[in-house]
């Protein structure tokens, strides 16, 4: 069960990091669009 808990924590951390990265990209002016 310990491995499952570690995987869950890593998944949440990766999800939050991806959301913050997406927000930072959205704030930047997009030249292509």
Protein backbone atom coordinates (compact mmCIF):
# COMPACT_ATOMS: atom_id res chain seq x y z
CA UNK A 1 0.00 0.00 0.00
CA UNK A 2 2.96 2.29 0.59
CA UNK A 3 3.86 2.32 -3.10
CA UNK A 4 0.30 3.30 -3.99
CA UNK A 5 0.45 6.27 -1.60
CA UNK A 6 3.75 7.45 -3.09
CA UNK A 7 2.32 7.14 -6.61
CA UNK A 8 -0.72 9.17 -5.56
CA UNK A 9 1.43 11.95 -4.08
CA UNK A 10 3.60 12.07 -7.21
CA UNK A 11 0.52 12.17 -9.42
CA UNK A 12 -1.00 15.09 -7.52
CA UNK A 13 2.31 16.99 -7.53
CA UNK A 14 2.70 16.44 -11.28
CA UNK A 15 -0.91 17.55 -11.90
CA UNK A 16 -0.49 20.77 -9.88
CA UNK A 17 2.85 21.51 -11.57
CA UNK A 18 1.30 20.96 -15.00
CA UNK A 19 -1.59 23.31 -14.18
CA UNK A 20 0.81 26.05 -13.05
CA UNK A 21 2.93 25.53 -16.18
CA UNK A 22 -0.19 25.74 -18.37
CA UNK A 23 -1.25 28.99 -16.69
CA UNK A 24 2.23 30.48 -17.24
CA UNK A 25 2.11 29.52 -20.92
CA UNK A 26 -1.38 31.00 -21.29
CA UNK A 27 -0.20 34.31 -19.81
CA UNK A 28 2.53 34.62 -22.40
CA UNK A 29 1.52 36.20 -25.73
CA UNK A 30 1.02 33.56 -28.39
CA UNK A 31 2.42 34.60 -31.75
CA UNK A 32 1.12 31.53 -33.59
CA UNK A 33 -2.53 32.17 -32.83
